[in-house]
Amino acid sequence: MWKILVGFAVFAALALFLLSKGGDIDMSGEKHGIDHEPAASSPAVPAASAASS
């Protein structure tokens, strides 16, 4: 029984070490696109110039 507990403790320590070295890992759950803003890569075409074409 004690071997299982030691094995679990070693595995948990290894997992925490690897997650901490992994960089920016978000463990907060699913995101549904509410908290980020869309990138405005191209400027919008003004309505007046679009209507006159």
PDB file of N, CA and C in Angstrom:
ATOM      1  N   MET A   1       0.820  -1.198   0.000  1.00  0.00           N
ATOM      2  CA  MET A   1       0.000   0.000   0.000  1.00  0.00           C
ATOM      3  C   MET A   1       0.867   1.267   0.000  1.00  0.00           C
ATOM      4  N   TRP A   2       1.938   1.253   0.749  1.00  0.00           N
ATOM      5  CA  TRP A   2       2.777   2.438   0.818  1.00  0.00           C
ATOM      6  C   TRP A   2       3.464   2.704  -0.517  1.00  0.00           C
ATOM      7  N   LYS A   3       3.697   1.648  -1.311  1.00  0.00           N
ATOM      8  CA  LYS A   3       4.322   1.830  -2.618  1.00  0.00           C
ATOM      9  C   LYS A   3       3.392   2.588  -3.571  1.00  0.00           C
ATOM     10  N   ILE A   4       2.098   2.320  -3.449  1.00  0.00           N
ATOM     11  CA  ILE A   4       1.134   3.030  -4.287  1.00  0.00           C
ATOM     12  C   ILE A   4       1.120   4.512  -3.936  1.00  0.00           C
ATOM     13  N   LEU A   5       1.141   4.821  -2.651  1.00  0.00           N
ATOM     14  CA  LEU A   5       1.133   6.219  -2.228  1.00  0.00           C
ATOM     15  C   LEU A   5       2.405   6.949  -2.645  1.00  0.00           C
ATOM     16  N   VAL A   6       3.543   6.289  -2.524  1.00  0.00           N
ATOM     17  CA  VAL A   6       4.807   6.900  -2.953  1.00  0.00           C
ATOM     18  C   VAL A   6       4.810   7.098  -4.467  1.00  0.00           C
ATOM     19  N   GLY A   7       4.317   6.112  -5.188  1.00  0.00           N
ATOM     20  CA  GLY A   7       4.237   6.230  -6.651  1.00  0.00           C
ATOM     21  C   GLY A   7       3.334   7.377  -7.079  1.00  0.00           C
ATOM     22  N   PHE A   8       2.200   7.510  -6.384  1.00  0.00           N
ATOM     23  CA  PHE A   8       1.292   8.623  -6.703  1.00  0.00           C
ATOM     24  C   PHE A   8       1.947   9.965  -6.408  1.00  0.00           C
ATOM     25  N   ALA A   9       2.638  10.065  -5.281  1.00  0.00           N
ATOM     26  CA  ALA A   9       3.299  11.324  -4.930  1.00  0.00           C
ATOM     27  C   ALA A   9       4.381  11.680  -5.951  1.00  0.00           C
ATOM     28  N   VAL A  10       5.141  10.693  -6.393  1.00  0.00           N
ATOM     29  CA  VAL A  10       6.180  10.946  -7.396  1.00  0.00           C
ATOM     30  C   VAL A  10       5.554  11.362  -8.721  1.00  0.00           C
ATOM     31  N   PHE A  11       4.495  10.659  -9.119  1.00  0.00           N
ATOM     32  CA  PHE A  11       3.822  10.997 -10.375  1.00  0.00           C
ATOM     33  C   PHE A  11       3.211  12.393 -10.316  1.00  0.00           C
ATOM     34  N   ALA A  12       2.593  12.758  -9.195  1.00  0.00           N
ATOM     35  CA  ALA A  12       1.998  14.089  -9.055  1.00  0.00           C
ATOM     36  C   ALA A  12       3.071  15.169  -9.082  1.00  0.00           C
ATOM     37  N   ALA A  13       4.190  14.930  -8.421  1.00  0.00           N
ATOM     38  CA  ALA A  13       5.282  15.903  -8.426  1.00  0.00           C
ATOM     39  C   ALA A  13       5.844  16.074  -9.836  1.00  0.00           C
ATOM     40  N   LEU A  14       5.989  14.984 -10.564  1.00  0.00           N
ATOM     41  CA  LEU A  14       6.479  15.055 -11.943  1.00  0.00           C
ATOM     42  C   LEU A  14       5.491  15.801 -12.836  1.00  0.00           C
ATOM     43  N   ALA A  15       4.203  15.532 -12.666  1.00  0.00           N
ATOM     44  CA  ALA A  15       3.192  16.216 -13.473  1.00  0.00           C
ATOM     45  C   ALA A  15       3.189  17.713 -13.184  1.00  0.00           C
ATOM     46  N   LEU A  16       3.262  18.102 -11.930  1.00  0.00           N
ATOM     47  CA  LEU A  16       3.294  19.524 -11.593  1.00  0.00           C
ATOM     48  C   LEU A  16       4.556  20.197 -12.127  1.00  0.00           C
ATOM     49  N   PHE A  17       5.673  19.493 -12.068  1.00  0.00           N
ATOM     50  CA  PHE A  17       6.919  20.043 -12.597  1.00  0.00           C
ATOM     51  C   PHE A  17       6.810  20.267 -14.107  1.00  0.00           C
ATOM     52  N   LEU A  18       6.280  19.283 -14.829  1.00  0.00           N
ATOM     53  CA  LEU A  18       6.161  19.419 -16.278  1.00  0.00           C
ATOM     54  C   LEU A  18       5.158  20.507 -16.657  1.00  0.00           C
ATOM     55  N   LEU A  19       4.064  20.626 -15.913  1.00  0.00           N
ATOM     56  CA  LEU A  19       3.100  21.683 -16.213  1.00  0.00           C
ATOM     57  C   LEU A  19       3.672  23.067 -15.927  1.00  0.00           C
ATOM     58  N   SER A  20       4.492  23.183 -14.889  1.00  0.00           N
ATOM     59  CA  SER A  20       5.071  24.490 -14.580  1.00  0.00           C
ATOM     60  C   SER A  20       6.128  24.893 -15.600  1.00  0.00           C
ATOM     61  N   LYS A  21       6.795  23.931 -16.213  1.00  0.00           N
ATOM     62  CA  LYS A  21       7.809  24.230 -17.228  1.00  0.00           C
ATOM     63  C   LYS A  21       7.213  24.363 -18.617  1.00  0.00           C
ATOM     64  N   GLY A  22       5.932  24.083 -18.761  1.00  0.00           N
ATOM     65  CA  GLY A  22       5.299  24.057 -20.079  1.00  0.00           C
ATOM     66  C   GLY A  22       4.992  25.408 -20.670  1.00  0.00           C
ATOM     67  N   GLY A  23       5.103  26.463 -19.921  1.00  0.00           N
ATOM     68  CA  GLY A  23       4.810  27.777 -20.460  1.00  0.00           C
ATOM     69  C   GLY A  23       3.455  28.274 -20.007  1.00  0.00           C
ATOM     70  N   ASP A  24       2.757  28.934 -20.910  1.00  0.00           N
ATOM     71  CA  ASP A  24       1.470  29.551 -20.586  1.00  0.00           C
ATOM     72  C   ASP A  24       0.354  28.532 -20.780  1.00  0.00           C
ATOM     73  N   ILE A  25       0.054  27.768 -19.746  1.00  0.00           N
ATOM     74  CA  ILE A  25      -0.996  26.757 -19.802  1.00  0.00           C
ATOM     75  C   ILE A  25      -2.193  27.284 -19.032  1.00  0.00           C
ATOM     76  N   ASP A  26      -3.342  27.325 -19.708  1.00  0.00           N
ATOM     77  CA  ASP A  26      -4.564  27.847 -19.090  1.00  0.00           C
ATOM     78  C   ASP A  26      -5.390  26.680 -18.575  1.00  0.00           C
ATOM     79  N   MET A  27      -5.532  26.579 -17.258  1.00  0.00           N
ATOM     80  CA  MET A  27      -6.287  25.489 -16.650  1.00  0.00           C
ATOM     81  C   MET A  27      -7.662  25.950 -16.167  1.00  0.00           C
ATOM     82  N   SER A  28      -8.188  27.029 -16.729  1.00  0.00           N
ATOM     83  CA  SER A  28      -9.432  27.596 -16.215  1.00  0.00           C
ATOM     84  C   SER A  28     -10.677  27.038 -16.880  1.00  0.00           C
ATOM     85  N   GLY A  29     -10.560  26.145 -17.823  1.00  0.00           N
ATOM     86  CA  GLY A  29     -11.741  25.537 -18.431  1.00  0.00           C
ATOM     87  C   GLY A  29     -11.961  26.018 -19.854  1.00  0.00           C
ATOM     88  N   GLU A  30     -13.149  25.717 -20.355  1.00  0.00           N
ATOM     89  CA  GLU A  30     -13.469  26.044 -21.737  1.00  0.00           C
ATOM     90  C   GLU A  30     -13.672  27.533 -21.923  1.00  0.00           C
ATOM     91  N   LYS A  31     -13.253  28.014 -23.068  1.00  0.00           N
ATOM     92  CA  LYS A  31     -13.472  29.393 -23.455  1.00  0.00           C
ATOM     93  C   LYS A  31     -14.369  29.372 -24.689  1.00  0.00           C
ATOM     94  N   HIS A  32     -15.311  30.290 -24.724  1.00  0.00           N
ATOM     95  CA  HIS A  32     -16.236  30.324 -25.847  1.00  0.00           C
ATOM     96  C   HIS A  32     -16.132  31.620 -26.635  1.00  0.00           C
ATOM     97  N   GLY A  33     -14.971  32.226 -26.645  1.00  0.00           N
ATOM     98  CA  GLY A  33     -14.724  33.385 -27.475  1.00  0.00           C
ATOM     99  C   GLY A  33     -15.286  34.687 -26.940  1.00  0.00           C
ATOM    100  N   ILE A  34     -15.652  34.761 -25.684  1.00  0.00           N
ATOM    101  CA  ILE A  34     -16.239  35.976 -25.143  1.00  0.00           C
ATOM    102  C   ILE A  34     -15.158  36.963 -24.705  1.00  0.00           C
ATOM    103  N   ASP A  35     -14.047  36.460 -24.211  1.00  0.00           N
ATOM    104  CA  ASP A  35     -13.049  37.338 -23.596  1.00  0.00           C
ATOM    105  C   ASP A  35     -11.948  37.800 -24.542  1.00  0.00           C
ATOM    106  N   HIS A  36     -12.037  37.523 -25.822  1.00  0.00           N
ATOM    107  CA  HIS A  36     -11.006  38.041 -26.724  1.00  0.00           C
ATOM    108  C   HIS A  36     -11.655  38.916 -27.785  1.00  0.00           C
ATOM    109  N   GLU A  37     -10.885  39.885 -28.255  1.00  0.00           N
ATOM    110  CA  GLU A  37     -11.376  40.812 -29.251  1.00  0.00           C
ATOM    111  C   GLU A  37     -10.911  40.356 -30.625  1.00  0.00           C
ATOM    112  N   PRO A  38     -11.753  40.449 -31.645  1.00  0.00           N
ATOM    113  CA  PRO A  38     -11.315  40.064 -32.987  1.00  0.00           C
ATOM    114  C   PRO A  38     -10.266  41.034 -33.519  1.00  0.00           C
ATOM    115  N   ALA A  39      -9.332  40.506 -34.241  1.00  0.00           N
ATOM    116  CA  ALA A  39      -8.257  41.333 -34.789  1.00  0.00           C
ATOM    117  C   ALA A  39      -8.775  42.124 -35.986  1.00  0.00           C
ATOM    118  N   ALA A  40      -8.530  43.411 -35.993  1.00  0.00           N
ATOM    119  CA  ALA A  40      -8.935  44.267 -37.108  1.00  0.00           C
ATOM    120  C   ALA A  40      -7.746  44.382 -38.059  1.00  0.00           C
ATOM    121  N   SER A  41      -7.593  43.393 -38.931  1.00  0.00           N
ATOM    122  CA  SER A  41      -6.428  43.371 -39.807  1.00  0.00           C
ATOM    123  C   SER A  41      -6.582  44.305 -40.999  1.00  0.00           C
ATOM    124  N   SER A  42      -7.815  44.496 -41.491  1.00  0.00           N
ATOM    125  CA  SER A  42      -8.007  45.398 -42.618  1.00  0.00           C
ATOM    126  C   SER A  42      -9.006  46.480 -42.229  1.00  0.00           C
ATOM    127  N   PRO A  43      -8.773  47.707 -42.671  1.00  0.00           N
ATOM    128  CA  PRO A  43      -9.711  48.780 -42.325  1.00  0.00           C
ATOM    129  C   PRO A  43     -11.051  48.565 -43.030  1.00  0.00           C
ATOM    130  N   ALA A  44     -12.100  48.991 -42.385  1.00  0.00           N
ATOM    131  CA  ALA A  44     -13.441  48.844 -42.950  1.00  0.00           C
ATOM    132  C   ALA A  44     -13.629  49.822 -44.116  1.00  0.00           C
ATOM    133  N   VAL A  45     -14.381  49.377 -45.095  1.00  0.00           N
ATOM    134  CA  VAL A  45     -14.671  50.227 -46.258  1.00  0.00           C
ATOM    135  C   VAL A  45     -15.812  51.156 -45.870  1.00  0.00           C
ATOM    136  N   PRO A  46     -15.634  52.459 -46.049  1.00  0.00           N
ATOM    137  CA  PRO A  46     -16.733  53.390 -45.724  1.00  0.00           C
ATOM    138  C   PRO A  46     -17.963  53.111 -46.567  1.00  0.00           C
ATOM    139  N   ALA A  47     -19.138  53.277 -45.993  1.00  0.00           N
ATOM    140  CA  ALA A  47     -20.391  52.974 -46.687  1.00  0.00           C
ATOM    141  C   ALA A  47     -20.628  53.903 -47.881  1.00  0.00           C
ATOM    142  N   ALA A  48     -20.194  55.160 -47.775  1.00  0.00           N
ATOM    143  CA  ALA A  48     -20.415  56.113 -48.868  1.00  0.00           C
ATOM    144  C   ALA A  48     -19.647  55.704 -50.114  1.00  0.00           C
ATOM    145  N   SER A  49     -18.402  55.302 -49.976  1.00  0.00           N
ATOM    146  CA  SER A  49     -17.616  54.920 -51.163  1.00  0.00           C
ATOM    147  C   SER A  49     -18.085  53.580 -51.706  1.00  0.00           C
ATOM    148  N   ALA A  50     -18.590  52.692 -50.864  1.00  0.00           N
ATOM    149  CA  ALA A  50     -19.095  51.402 -51.332  1.00  0.00           C
ATOM    150  C   ALA A  50     -20.412  51.602 -52.088  1.00  0.00           C
ATOM    151  N   ALA A  51     -21.237  52.551 -51.645  1.00  0.00           N
ATOM    152  CA  ALA A  51     -22.534  52.781 -52.283  1.00  0.00           C
ATOM    153  C   ALA A  51     -22.375  53.478 -53.628  1.00  0.00           C
ATOM    154  N   SER A  52     -21.333  54.301 -53.804  1.00  0.00           N
ATOM    155  CA  SER A  52     -21.150  55.044 -55.041  1.00  0.00           C
ATOM    156  C   SER A  52     -20.525  54.193 -56.142  1.00  0.00           C
ATOM    157  N   SER A  53     -19.969  53.050 -55.818  1.00  0.00           N
ATOM    158  CA  SER A  53     -19.317  52.210 -56.825  1.00  0.00           C
ATOM    159  C   SER A  53     -20.294  51.430 -57.648  1.00  0.00           C
TER     160      SER A  53
END
